[in-house]
N, C-alpha and C. Protein backbone atom coordinates (compact mmCIF):
# COMPACT_ATOMS: atom_id res chain seq x y z
N MET A 1 132.70 118.21 46.44
CA MET A 1 133.23 117.07 46.96
C MET A 1 133.37 117.73 48.29
N LEU A 2 132.88 116.94 49.48
CA LEU A 2 132.63 117.26 51.12
C LEU A 2 134.35 116.72 51.62
N THR A 3 134.78 118.01 52.29
CA THR A 3 136.39 117.78 52.72
C THR A 3 136.42 118.11 54.48
N GLU A 4 137.42 117.79 54.86
CA GLU A 4 137.41 118.39 56.48
C GLU A 4 137.31 119.85 56.79
N SER A 5 137.46 120.78 55.59
CA SER A 5 137.22 121.99 55.40
C SER A 5 136.15 122.44 54.97
N THR A 6 135.01 121.71 55.13
CA THR A 6 133.85 122.06 54.22
C THR A 6 133.04 123.01 55.20
N GLY A 7 132.32 122.96 55.69
CA GLY A 7 131.30 123.99 56.41
C GLY A 7 131.06 125.23 55.49
N LEU A 8 131.53 126.45 55.49
CA LEU A 8 131.09 127.37 54.75
C LEU A 8 131.87 127.30 53.28
N PHE A 9 132.92 126.48 53.00
CA PHE A 9 133.40 126.51 51.68
C PHE A 9 132.19 125.28 50.90
N THR A 10 131.82 124.27 51.60
CA THR A 10 130.75 123.85 50.86
C THR A 10 129.40 124.64 50.76
N LEU A 11 128.95 125.29 51.51
CA LEU A 11 127.82 126.08 51.15
C LEU A 11 128.14 127.30 50.21
N SER A 12 129.43 127.54 50.04
CA SER A 12 129.63 128.68 49.22
C SER A 12 129.78 127.89 47.81
N GLU A 13 130.10 126.85 47.64
CA GLU A 13 129.86 125.95 46.55
C GLU A 13 128.95 125.77 45.91
N LEU A 14 127.83 125.14 47.00
CA LEU A 14 126.64 125.14 46.69
C LEU A 14 125.54 126.44 46.16
N ALA A 15 125.81 127.38 46.88
CA ALA A 15 125.27 128.74 46.53
C ALA A 15 125.90 128.99 44.96
N THR A 16 126.79 128.91 44.81
CA THR A 16 127.68 129.03 43.14
C THR A 16 126.92 128.29 42.13
N ARG A 17 126.75 127.19 42.51
CA ARG A 17 126.51 125.94 41.48
C ARG A 17 124.74 126.39 41.44
N ILE A 18 123.97 126.72 42.24
CA ILE A 18 122.63 126.71 42.12
C ILE A 18 122.16 128.05 41.38
N ALA A 19 123.11 128.97 41.73
CA ALA A 19 123.11 130.29 41.13
C ALA A 19 123.07 130.30 39.62
N LEU A 20 123.60 129.15 39.04
CA LEU A 20 123.79 129.24 37.74
C LEU A 20 122.60 129.06 36.68
N ALA A 21 121.63 128.44 37.38
CA ALA A 21 120.10 128.16 36.91
C ALA A 21 119.63 129.58 36.64
N GLY A 22 118.92 129.49 35.45
CA GLY A 22 118.27 130.77 34.64
C GLY A 22 116.93 130.99 34.76
N PRO A 23 116.12 131.96 34.61
CA PRO A 23 114.60 131.93 34.77
C PRO A 23 113.93 131.25 33.67
N PRO A 24 112.60 130.88 33.62
CA PRO A 24 111.85 131.22 34.75
C PRO A 24 112.04 130.37 36.08
N ALA A 25 111.40 131.11 37.19
CA ALA A 25 111.69 130.92 38.32
C ALA A 25 111.10 129.44 38.59
N VAL A 26 109.97 129.08 37.91
CA VAL A 26 109.56 127.44 38.54
C VAL A 26 110.36 126.42 37.86
N ASP A 27 111.03 126.75 36.42
CA ASP A 27 111.90 126.14 36.14
C ASP A 27 113.22 125.87 36.92
N GLN A 28 113.59 127.09 37.28
CA GLN A 28 114.97 127.44 37.60
C GLN A 28 114.73 126.56 39.14
N TRP A 29 113.83 126.47 39.69
CA TRP A 29 113.88 125.74 41.19
C TRP A 29 113.38 124.38 40.91
N THR A 30 113.05 123.87 39.83
CA THR A 30 113.13 122.41 39.22
C THR A 30 114.33 121.82 39.36
N TRP A 31 115.37 122.66 38.41
CA TRP A 31 116.80 122.48 38.20
C TRP A 31 117.52 122.48 39.82
N ILE A 32 117.22 123.58 40.45
CA ILE A 32 117.68 123.76 41.84
C ILE A 32 117.33 122.73 42.76
N GLY A 33 116.28 122.20 42.75
CA GLY A 33 115.64 120.89 43.50
C GLY A 33 116.84 119.61 43.42
N ARG A 34 116.67 119.64 41.77
CA ARG A 34 117.62 118.11 41.54
C ARG A 34 119.27 118.41 42.15
N ARG A 35 119.39 119.62 42.03
CA ARG A 35 121.03 119.75 42.30
C ARG A 35 121.14 119.75 43.79
N PHE A 36 120.07 120.45 44.46
CA PHE A 36 120.23 120.28 45.99
C PHE A 36 119.75 118.83 46.56
N ARG A 37 119.15 117.84 45.97
CA ARG A 37 119.05 116.68 46.37
C ARG A 37 120.30 115.60 45.99
N ARG A 38 120.93 115.97 45.26
CA ARG A 38 122.16 115.38 44.96
C ARG A 38 123.15 115.61 45.80
N TRP A 39 123.23 117.02 46.16
CA TRP A 39 124.25 117.57 46.89
C TRP A 39 123.78 116.76 48.53
N ALA A 40 122.68 117.16 49.08
CA ALA A 40 122.34 116.96 50.11
C ALA A 40 122.61 115.27 50.52
N ALA A 41 122.48 114.46 49.49
CA ALA A 41 122.34 113.12 49.79
C ALA A 41 124.08 112.85 49.86
N GLN A 42 125.09 113.55 50.04
CA GLN A 42 126.49 113.03 50.25
C GLN A 42 126.46 112.64 51.47
N PRO A 43 127.29 111.56 51.82
CA PRO A 43 127.36 111.18 53.07
C PRO A 43 128.30 111.92 53.81
N GLY A 44 128.03 112.05 55.20
CA GLY A 44 129.14 112.80 56.11
C GLY A 44 128.03 114.00 56.18
N LEU A 45 126.95 114.62 55.37
CA LEU A 45 126.73 115.93 55.93
C LEU A 45 126.45 116.42 56.98
N ARG A 46 125.85 115.83 58.09
CA ARG A 46 125.83 116.19 59.57
C ARG A 46 126.97 116.47 60.20
N ASP A 47 127.78 115.42 59.75
CA ASP A 47 129.33 115.46 60.58
C ASP A 47 129.85 116.78 60.10
N HIS A 48 129.75 117.19 58.86
CA HIS A 48 130.61 118.15 58.17
C HIS A 48 130.06 119.62 58.76
N LEU A 49 128.61 119.47 58.97
CA LEU A 49 127.95 120.85 59.29
C LEU A 49 128.26 120.81 61.04
N ARG A 50 128.25 120.01 61.55
CA ARG A 50 128.74 119.71 62.86
C ARG A 50 129.90 120.51 63.35
N GLY A 51 131.04 120.06 62.37
CA GLY A 51 132.09 120.52 62.15
C GLY A 51 132.59 122.00 62.03
N HIS A 52 131.46 122.31 60.87
CA HIS A 52 131.55 123.76 60.76
C HIS A 52 131.12 124.72 62.12
N LEU A 53 130.04 124.09 62.67
CA LEU A 53 129.68 124.77 63.91
C LEU A 53 130.96 125.05 64.98
N ARG A 54 131.62 124.07 65.25
CA ARG A 54 132.45 123.87 66.07
C ARG A 54 133.51 124.43 66.02
N ASN A 55 133.80 124.93 64.64
CA ASN A 55 135.03 125.55 64.13
C ASN A 55 135.04 127.32 63.90
N LEU A 56 133.57 127.71 64.35
CA LEU A 56 133.50 128.85 64.26
C LEU A 56 134.11 129.93 65.05
N THR A 57 134.64 131.12 64.76
CA THR A 57 135.20 131.70 65.66
C THR A 57 134.39 132.49 66.48
N PRO A 58 134.67 133.09 67.72
CA PRO A 58 133.87 133.61 68.46
C PRO A 58 132.72 135.04 67.64
N GLN A 59 133.55 135.55 66.92
CA GLN A 59 132.76 136.66 65.92
C GLN A 59 132.04 136.04 64.94
N GLU A 60 132.05 134.80 64.25
CA GLU A 60 131.16 134.04 63.51
C GLU A 60 130.02 133.48 64.50
N GLU A 61 130.52 133.30 65.50
CA GLU A 61 129.28 132.71 66.29
C GLU A 61 128.40 133.85 66.58
N LEU A 62 128.53 135.06 66.82
CA LEU A 62 128.11 136.38 67.10
C LEU A 62 127.03 136.39 66.08
N ARG A 63 127.55 136.62 64.69
CA ARG A 63 127.10 136.77 63.43
C ARG A 63 125.75 135.83 63.33
N LEU A 64 126.06 134.35 63.64
CA LEU A 64 125.30 133.64 63.05
C LEU A 64 123.98 133.57 64.02
N ILE A 65 124.15 133.78 65.44
CA ILE A 65 123.15 134.22 66.48
C ILE A 65 122.55 135.27 66.03
N SER A 66 123.19 136.23 65.67
CA SER A 66 122.33 137.41 65.19
C SER A 66 121.33 137.51 64.11
N ARG A 67 121.53 136.62 63.22
CA ARG A 67 120.83 136.12 62.15
C ARG A 67 119.60 135.19 62.30
N SER A 68 119.68 134.69 63.11
CA SER A 68 119.14 133.26 63.75
C SER A 68 117.82 133.75 64.61
N ARG A 69 116.66 132.89 64.78
CA ARG A 69 115.70 133.34 65.72
C ARG A 69 114.62 131.88 66.02
N GLU A 70 114.07 132.26 66.95
CA GLU A 70 113.06 131.11 67.40
C GLU A 70 111.68 131.71 67.11
N THR A 71 110.96 130.23 66.55
CA THR A 71 109.50 130.48 66.12
C THR A 71 108.85 129.49 67.02
N THR A 72 107.32 129.55 67.26
CA THR A 72 106.72 128.53 68.15
C THR A 72 107.04 127.15 67.83
N THR A 73 107.55 126.66 66.66
CA THR A 73 107.80 125.05 66.79
C THR A 73 109.31 124.91 66.47
N HIS A 74 110.32 125.87 66.09
CA HIS A 74 111.45 125.35 65.85
C HIS A 74 112.45 126.75 66.08
N PHE A 75 113.47 126.13 66.21
CA PHE A 75 114.87 127.55 66.11
C PHE A 75 115.42 127.29 64.87
N ALA A 76 115.32 128.58 63.74
CA ALA A 76 115.99 128.67 62.80
C ALA A 76 117.42 129.30 62.80
N TRP A 77 118.29 128.52 62.44
CA TRP A 77 119.60 129.04 62.52
C TRP A 77 120.04 129.28 61.27
N CYS A 78 120.55 130.57 61.21
CA CYS A 78 120.84 130.99 59.58
C CYS A 78 122.59 130.90 59.91
N LEU A 79 123.02 129.79 58.74
CA LEU A 79 124.28 129.31 58.50
C LEU A 79 125.12 130.21 57.92
N ARG A 80 124.21 130.96 56.78
CA ARG A 80 125.14 131.62 55.56
C ARG A 80 124.07 132.63 55.14
N ASP A 81 124.38 133.92 55.04
CA ASP A 81 123.84 135.09 54.54
C ASP A 81 124.84 135.81 53.95
N GLN A 82 124.96 135.57 52.78
CA GLN A 82 125.87 136.89 52.03
C GLN A 82 125.18 137.66 51.03
N PRO A 83 124.88 139.06 51.37
CA PRO A 83 124.21 139.92 50.66
C PRO A 83 124.51 139.74 48.99
N ALA A 84 125.57 139.43 48.36
CA ALA A 84 125.63 139.17 47.05
C ALA A 84 125.12 138.03 46.39
N GLU A 85 124.85 137.08 47.45
CA GLU A 85 124.16 135.84 46.89
C GLU A 85 122.79 135.80 46.85
N PRO A 86 121.78 134.95 46.03
CA PRO A 86 120.53 134.64 46.06
C PRO A 86 120.10 134.13 46.84
N PHE A 87 120.85 133.30 47.45
CA PHE A 87 120.36 132.22 48.51
C PHE A 87 120.69 132.43 50.02
N THR A 88 119.97 132.07 50.95
CA THR A 88 120.56 131.75 52.22
C THR A 88 120.34 130.22 52.71
N PHE A 89 121.55 129.98 54.01
CA PHE A 89 121.11 128.36 54.19
C PHE A 89 121.20 128.49 55.86
N TRP A 90 120.15 127.37 56.04
CA TRP A 90 119.93 127.52 57.24
C TRP A 90 119.82 126.09 57.90
N LEU A 91 119.62 125.91 59.20
CA LEU A 91 119.27 124.41 60.17
C LEU A 91 117.89 125.03 60.81
N HIS A 92 117.17 124.13 60.55
CA HIS A 92 116.01 124.18 61.33
C HIS A 92 115.79 123.06 62.67
N GLU A 93 115.89 123.55 63.70
CA GLU A 93 116.04 122.42 64.76
C GLU A 93 114.37 122.51 65.52
N TYR A 94 113.62 121.45 65.29
CA TYR A 94 112.21 121.44 65.72
C TYR A 94 112.38 121.27 67.31
N LYS A 95 111.51 121.86 68.15
CA LYS A 95 111.52 121.61 69.44
C LYS A 95 110.59 120.16 69.57
N PRO A 96 110.70 119.88 70.90
CA PRO A 96 109.84 118.58 71.21
C PRO A 96 108.47 118.92 71.05
N GLN A 97 107.47 118.29 70.51
CA GLN A 97 106.32 118.52 70.12
C GLN A 97 105.60 119.03 71.56
N ARG A 98 105.54 118.67 72.77
CA ARG A 98 105.09 118.92 73.65
C ARG A 98 105.44 120.71 73.90
N ASP A 99 106.16 121.14 73.31
CA ASP A 99 106.87 122.59 73.54
C ASP A 99 106.11 123.49 72.55
N TRP A 100 105.57 122.60 71.54
CA TRP A 100 105.15 123.81 70.22
C TRP A 100 103.73 124.64 70.89
N ARG A 101 104.31 125.73 70.31
CA ARG A 101 102.81 126.44 70.40
C ARG A 101 101.78 126.86 68.95
N HIS A 102 100.38 126.72 68.95
CA HIS A 102 99.93 126.73 67.77
C HIS A 102 100.17 127.84 67.04
N GLY A 103 100.17 127.64 65.51
CA GLY A 103 99.92 128.66 64.63
C GLY A 103 101.36 128.97 63.58
N TYR A 104 102.43 128.22 63.78
CA TYR A 104 103.48 128.39 62.68
C TYR A 104 103.46 127.22 61.73
N ALA A 105 104.37 126.35 62.02
CA ALA A 105 104.75 125.18 61.13
C ALA A 105 103.40 124.32 61.05
N ASP A 106 102.59 124.48 62.29
CA ASP A 106 101.39 123.58 62.12
C ASP A 106 100.37 123.95 61.49
N SER A 107 100.45 125.30 61.10
CA SER A 107 99.23 126.10 60.17
C SER A 107 99.58 125.77 58.82
N ILE A 108 98.43 125.98 57.99
CA ILE A 108 98.60 125.97 56.67
C ILE A 108 99.07 127.21 56.06
N HIS A 109 100.28 127.33 55.63
CA HIS A 109 100.88 128.59 55.14
C HIS A 109 101.67 128.26 53.89
N ASN A 110 101.92 129.70 53.44
CA ASN A 110 103.24 129.75 52.29
C ASN A 110 104.19 130.22 52.70
N HIS A 111 105.38 130.68 52.06
CA HIS A 111 106.49 131.41 52.38
C HIS A 111 106.63 132.92 51.37
N ARG A 112 107.53 133.70 51.89
CA ARG A 112 107.64 134.67 50.83
C ARG A 112 108.85 134.22 50.10
N TYR A 113 109.43 133.06 50.21
CA TYR A 113 110.74 132.47 49.37
C TYR A 113 110.50 131.18 48.91
N HIS A 114 111.22 130.92 47.79
CA HIS A 114 111.20 129.75 47.51
C HIS A 114 112.26 128.84 48.30
N PHE A 115 112.23 127.34 48.26
CA PHE A 115 113.16 126.95 49.32
C PHE A 115 113.23 125.11 48.81
N CYS A 116 114.19 124.62 49.32
CA CYS A 116 114.73 123.16 49.04
C CYS A 116 114.99 122.88 50.53
N THR A 117 114.41 121.55 50.96
CA THR A 117 114.84 121.19 52.39
C THR A 117 115.24 119.76 52.48
N THR A 118 116.26 119.17 53.12
CA THR A 118 116.48 117.90 53.44
C THR A 118 116.12 117.68 55.05
N ILE A 119 115.75 116.37 55.27
CA ILE A 119 115.70 116.04 56.64
C ILE A 119 117.05 115.38 57.27
N LEU A 120 117.88 115.99 58.04
CA LEU A 120 118.73 115.39 58.72
C LEU A 120 118.87 114.63 59.86
N SER A 121 117.78 114.56 60.46
CA SER A 121 117.48 113.52 61.66
C SER A 121 115.90 113.62 61.96
N GLY A 122 115.36 112.50 62.42
CA GLY A 122 113.97 112.36 63.16
C GLY A 122 113.07 112.45 61.53
N SER A 123 112.05 113.06 61.64
CA SER A 123 111.19 112.90 60.73
C SER A 123 109.69 113.66 60.97
N TYR A 124 108.91 113.90 60.34
CA TYR A 124 107.74 114.79 60.37
C TYR A 124 106.72 114.45 59.39
N LEU A 125 105.32 114.81 59.46
CA LEU A 125 104.44 114.56 59.05
C LEU A 125 104.19 115.73 58.03
N HIS A 126 104.01 115.53 56.65
CA HIS A 126 104.35 116.75 55.80
C HIS A 126 103.07 116.95 55.12
N GLU A 127 102.15 117.99 54.75
CA GLU A 127 100.70 117.84 53.99
C GLU A 127 100.89 119.11 53.03
N ARG A 128 100.57 118.83 52.14
CA ARG A 128 100.39 119.82 51.08
C ARG A 128 99.27 120.21 50.61
N PHE A 129 98.53 121.44 50.55
CA PHE A 129 97.35 122.04 50.41
C PHE A 129 97.23 122.76 49.14
N GLU A 130 96.07 122.88 48.28
CA GLU A 130 95.32 124.04 47.26
C GLU A 130 94.42 124.90 48.31
N ALA A 131 95.23 126.18 48.11
CA ALA A 131 94.49 127.34 48.80
C ALA A 131 93.76 128.27 47.87
N ARG A 132 92.33 128.59 48.26
CA ARG A 132 91.77 129.67 47.43
C ARG A 132 91.73 131.07 48.36
N LEU A 133 92.34 132.01 47.38
CA LEU A 133 92.33 133.11 47.98
C LEU A 133 91.41 134.32 47.89
N SER A 134 91.42 135.26 48.77
CA SER A 134 90.53 136.51 48.61
C SER A 134 90.80 137.32 47.37
N PRO A 135 90.09 138.02 46.56
CA PRO A 135 90.34 138.43 45.36
C PRO A 135 91.36 139.60 45.40
N ASN A 136 91.95 139.98 46.35
CA ASN A 136 93.15 141.09 46.49
C ASN A 136 94.37 140.26 46.93
N GLY A 137 94.28 138.77 46.90
CA GLY A 137 95.42 138.00 47.54
C GLY A 137 95.96 138.27 48.92
N ARG A 138 94.92 138.85 49.78
CA ARG A 138 95.58 139.20 51.10
C ARG A 138 94.99 138.31 52.26
N ALA A 139 94.32 137.15 51.73
CA ALA A 139 93.61 135.95 52.79
C ALA A 139 93.62 134.99 52.31
N ILE A 140 93.39 134.11 52.86
CA ILE A 140 93.06 132.83 52.46
C ILE A 140 91.43 132.22 52.68
N VAL A 141 90.64 132.18 51.75
CA VAL A 141 89.34 131.94 52.19
C VAL A 141 89.07 130.33 52.45
N SER A 142 89.75 129.39 52.14
CA SER A 142 89.48 127.88 51.89
C SER A 142 90.55 127.26 51.58
N THR A 143 90.94 125.79 51.90
CA THR A 143 92.19 125.00 51.49
C THR A 143 91.06 123.69 51.72
N ALA A 144 92.32 122.87 50.68
CA ALA A 144 91.86 121.61 50.40
C ALA A 144 93.13 120.76 50.44
N LEU A 145 93.19 119.75 51.41
CA LEU A 145 94.59 118.96 51.47
C LEU A 145 94.67 118.10 49.79
N LEU A 146 95.79 118.28 49.24
CA LEU A 146 96.38 117.65 48.19
C LEU A 146 96.86 116.41 48.67
N HIS A 147 97.87 116.25 49.67
CA HIS A 147 98.89 115.28 49.63
C HIS A 147 99.47 115.17 51.25
N ARG A 148 99.43 114.05 51.64
CA ARG A 148 100.00 113.91 52.96
C ARG A 148 100.90 112.79 53.01
N ALA A 149 102.20 113.21 53.64
CA ALA A 149 103.23 111.91 53.73
C ALA A 149 104.18 112.13 55.00
N ASP A 150 104.44 110.87 55.43
CA ASP A 150 105.22 110.76 56.52
C ASP A 150 107.00 110.81 56.12
N CYS A 151 107.45 111.82 56.28
CA CYS A 151 108.89 111.83 55.86
C CYS A 151 109.93 111.57 56.87
N PRO A 152 111.00 110.71 56.59
CA PRO A 152 111.79 110.34 57.25
C PRO A 152 113.05 110.89 57.15
N SER A 153 114.39 110.69 57.88
CA SER A 153 115.28 111.13 57.73
C SER A 153 115.95 110.91 56.22
N GLY A 154 116.48 111.67 55.54
CA GLY A 154 117.00 111.65 54.24
C GLY A 154 115.87 112.08 53.12
N THR A 155 114.63 112.28 53.51
CA THR A 155 113.53 112.82 52.60
C THR A 155 114.28 114.24 52.02
N SER A 156 114.02 114.64 51.06
CA SER A 156 114.39 116.16 50.24
C SER A 156 113.02 116.46 50.04
N GLY A 157 112.93 117.89 49.56
CA GLY A 157 111.84 118.55 48.81
C GLY A 157 111.87 119.92 48.38
N THR A 158 111.16 120.25 47.58
CA THR A 158 110.94 121.48 47.26
C THR A 158 109.44 122.61 47.45
N MET A 159 109.60 123.57 47.73
CA MET A 159 108.23 124.36 47.83
C MET A 159 108.54 125.50 47.39
N LEU A 160 107.70 126.03 46.65
CA LEU A 160 107.75 127.19 45.90
C LEU A 160 106.72 128.34 46.82
N ALA A 161 107.10 129.80 46.35
CA ALA A 161 106.62 130.73 47.34
C ALA A 161 105.19 130.53 47.21
N HIS A 162 104.46 130.28 46.18
CA HIS A 162 103.04 130.02 46.11
C HIS A 162 102.30 128.70 46.44
N GLU A 163 102.90 127.80 47.04
CA GLU A 163 102.56 126.57 47.31
C GLU A 163 102.25 127.00 48.89
N PHE A 164 101.27 125.84 49.55
CA PHE A 164 100.91 125.89 50.78
C PHE A 164 100.98 124.74 51.38
N HIS A 165 101.33 124.63 52.48
CA HIS A 165 102.00 123.15 53.25
C HIS A 165 101.73 123.55 54.71
N ARG A 166 101.87 122.36 55.42
CA ARG A 166 102.08 122.32 57.07
C ARG A 166 102.79 121.05 57.49
N ILE A 167 103.17 121.25 58.86
CA ILE A 167 103.62 120.54 59.50
C ILE A 167 103.09 119.95 60.64
N PRO A 168 101.87 119.13 60.79
CA PRO A 168 101.33 118.98 62.11
C PRO A 168 102.05 118.62 63.00
N LYS A 169 103.15 117.65 62.65
CA LYS A 169 103.74 116.93 63.77
C LYS A 169 105.23 116.38 63.19
N ALA A 170 106.01 116.44 64.39
CA ALA A 170 107.69 116.29 64.29
C ALA A 170 107.87 115.35 65.05
N ALA A 171 108.81 114.37 65.00
CA ALA A 171 109.32 113.38 65.96
C ALA A 171 110.42 114.52 66.75
N ASP A 172 110.41 114.38 68.08
CA ASP A 172 111.59 114.95 68.60
C ASP A 172 113.01 114.39 68.35
N GLY A 173 113.94 115.61 68.17
CA GLY A 173 115.18 115.54 67.79
C GLY A 173 115.20 115.60 66.14
N THR A 174 114.06 116.30 65.69
CA THR A 174 113.80 116.60 64.32
C THR A 174 114.96 117.67 63.67
N MET A 175 115.71 117.57 62.72
CA MET A 175 116.64 118.85 62.33
C MET A 175 116.50 119.04 60.50
N THR A 176 116.32 120.01 59.82
CA THR A 176 116.56 119.97 58.91
C THR A 176 117.50 120.97 58.22
N PHE A 177 117.99 120.89 56.95
CA PHE A 177 119.07 121.91 56.37
C PHE A 177 117.95 122.22 55.29
N LEU A 178 118.05 123.52 54.91
CA LEU A 178 117.33 124.30 53.81
C LEU A 178 118.25 125.24 53.04
N VAL A 179 118.18 125.49 51.71
CA VAL A 179 118.43 126.67 51.01
C VAL A 179 117.34 127.55 50.62
N LYS A 180 117.25 128.52 50.96
CA LYS A 180 116.38 129.47 50.82
C LYS A 180 116.48 130.43 49.65
N SER A 181 115.80 130.75 48.90
CA SER A 181 115.62 131.97 47.90
C SER A 181 115.63 133.72 48.73
N ARG A 182 116.00 134.44 48.32
CA ARG A 182 115.59 135.92 48.73
C ARG A 182 113.97 135.82 48.35
N ALA A 183 113.50 136.70 49.27
CA ALA A 183 112.21 136.81 49.27
C ALA A 183 111.49 137.29 47.89
N VAL A 184 110.63 136.63 47.28
CA VAL A 184 109.89 136.89 45.99
C VAL A 184 108.69 137.68 46.19
N ASN A 185 107.95 137.56 47.47
CA ASN A 185 106.55 138.27 47.77
C ASN A 185 106.86 139.01 48.85
N PRO A 186 106.22 140.25 49.13
CA PRO A 186 106.20 141.03 50.07
C PRO A 186 105.63 140.49 51.56
N TRP A 187 104.75 139.20 51.46
CA TRP A 187 104.02 138.79 52.66
C TRP A 187 104.25 137.41 52.46
N SER A 188 103.53 136.56 53.53
CA SER A 188 102.95 135.06 53.44
C SER A 188 101.69 135.18 54.19
N LEU A 189 100.96 134.01 54.06
CA LEU A 189 99.86 133.85 54.53
C LEU A 189 99.67 132.61 55.43
N SER A 190 98.87 132.61 56.30
CA SER A 190 98.72 131.27 56.79
C SER A 190 97.07 131.09 57.36
N PHE A 191 96.39 130.26 57.70
CA PHE A 191 95.11 129.65 57.83
C PHE A 191 95.26 128.58 58.49
N ASP A 192 93.99 128.89 59.87
CA ASP A 192 93.48 127.73 60.44
C ASP A 192 92.27 127.26 60.22
N PRO A 193 92.52 126.04 59.76
CA PRO A 193 90.79 125.16 59.14
C PRO A 193 90.34 125.04 60.20
N ASP A 194 90.62 125.10 61.73
CA ASP A 194 89.58 125.05 62.65
C ASP A 194 88.80 126.14 62.86
N THR A 195 89.31 127.35 62.92
CA THR A 195 88.87 128.73 63.08
C THR A 195 88.32 129.45 61.75
N GLY A 196 88.80 128.92 60.62
CA GLY A 196 88.64 129.67 59.50
C GLY A 196 89.34 130.85 59.69
N LEU A 197 90.37 131.12 60.32
CA LEU A 197 91.04 132.54 60.30
C LEU A 197 92.18 132.59 59.23
N SER A 198 92.37 133.56 58.58
CA SER A 198 93.40 133.55 57.61
C SER A 198 94.21 135.21 58.33
N HIS A 199 95.56 135.16 58.34
CA HIS A 199 96.39 135.73 58.80
C HIS A 199 97.48 136.24 57.65
N ARG A 200 97.80 137.34 57.66
CA ARG A 200 98.90 137.91 56.45
C ARG A 200 100.42 138.53 57.41
N HIS A 201 101.43 137.79 56.85
CA HIS A 201 102.38 138.15 57.79
C HIS A 201 103.57 139.05 56.87
N VAL A 202 103.69 140.25 57.61
CA VAL A 202 104.43 141.13 56.87
C VAL A 202 105.95 141.02 57.93
N PRO A 203 107.14 141.03 57.06
CA PRO A 203 108.45 140.90 58.05
C PRO A 203 108.86 142.22 58.56
N VAL A 204 109.16 142.25 59.63
CA VAL A 204 109.41 143.28 60.76
C VAL A 204 110.09 144.41 60.11
N GLU A 205 111.35 143.91 59.13
CA GLU A 205 112.18 144.79 58.51
C GLU A 205 111.66 145.51 57.39
N ALA A 206 110.69 145.18 56.97
CA ALA A 206 109.75 145.75 55.92
C ALA A 206 108.60 146.90 56.55
N ARG A 207 108.73 146.77 57.54
CA ARG A 207 107.74 147.74 58.53
C ARG A 207 108.29 149.00 59.02
N LEU A 208 109.51 149.40 58.83
CA LEU A 208 110.13 150.42 59.50
C LEU A 208 109.27 151.74 58.77
N GLU A 209 109.24 151.95 57.45
CA GLU A 209 108.77 153.28 57.13
C GLU A 209 107.17 153.38 58.01
N GLU A 210 106.37 152.03 57.47
CA GLU A 210 105.21 152.27 58.51
C GLU A 210 105.51 152.72 59.92
N LEU A 211 106.38 152.14 60.81
CA LEU A 211 106.44 152.47 62.08
C LEU A 211 106.71 153.99 62.34
N THR A 212 107.74 154.54 61.31
CA THR A 212 107.88 155.85 61.47
C THR A 212 106.58 156.73 61.07
N ASN A 213 105.79 156.30 60.28
CA ASN A 213 104.53 157.00 59.79
C ASN A 213 103.41 157.03 60.97
N HIS A 214 103.49 156.02 61.86
CA HIS A 214 102.78 155.99 63.05
C HIS A 214 102.80 156.70 64.27
N LEU A 215 104.30 156.85 64.29
CA LEU A 215 104.92 157.86 65.30
C LEU A 215 104.31 159.42 65.45
């Protein structure tokens, strides 16, 4: 139930409820997706998330900012990241299309984690792909479009770490709310169908030992 004091409490409640799902992971995320869609459909979600941000203390603001990051297509704001919890919670604020730089959300890619998302405002074009990988799984060889849909505000969906998609365009002012699992893969992959180039993406926090060895 959303209340005036929700913000972090509501995210904590959601984290507790979805953590009750058991293995296997695919079945777990089918269950989590249904729970997330019901939760995200509650009226007033944007208002309460806005209220949560306005009520942050200066220390909480600093922690939120330190966990967040800018990508080439959007700002990713981390609303909640408790080490003991198997999920993190994010707001994605998409940049105006004219400010996008090629190679992130608009590339064909997967993620290191599973996630559920709902569009809070705006809309985007969403495409799902089948990807053929190299024998070692470290590169994408080719892709084939499976499904394309215009997704308006209120649309919710689930992506598993082995699935590939892209968002080639988004309306100005688009924002999404997401719940993400902890990483289930050590890297993600992206593919540019125009050039046929594939890239493997390893998070910087996993490269400390490699950096040390290179010194």
